[in-house]
Amino acid sequence: MKQTWKFVKEKDQFFEKAFGRDHYWHYHPEVIEGAESYMVKVVVPEGDGHNFHKHPEMHEILYILKGRAEQWIEDEMQLLEVGDSVYIDADVAHATFNAGEGELEFLAVLSPTEGWEAGTLDVSQEEPYSSYR
């Protein structure tokens, strides 16, 4: 049985700016080889968000650290507060918008890592997602 572990200190996180959001990757393909899941802290500025998209071959768990999220899963919307979370299966359309004052921060855990290559598909311009907000 494979046994892998890696400590990641705040200063060692893999940082990227994507679509106006700051991503602080704790576990990412470039950080830990052979991992079976990835984790990123996402910081979304006030009034911004991550529009409707899918991860065709990865499921995702979101956990709210700071602020308030307008969380969409397909046609259902809920407001998530600090300590709330959501599980999203692979290939399910979802969107996360900052619904509060100040920054929204959340953790996203994605797996399985084999699904990374399939990427993230933007579906925000497709119906019915383009008419939800």
Foldseek 3Di string as FASTA:
>chain_A
DDDDDDDADQVRFDWDQDPNKIKGWRADCVNDPPDQKTKIKIKHFAPFWFAKKFLQQKKKKKAWQAAWKFKDWALDTDIDHHGDMDIGGHPTIMMIHGPGHGMTIMMMMMGRPVSPVSPMGDCCVPPPNVPND
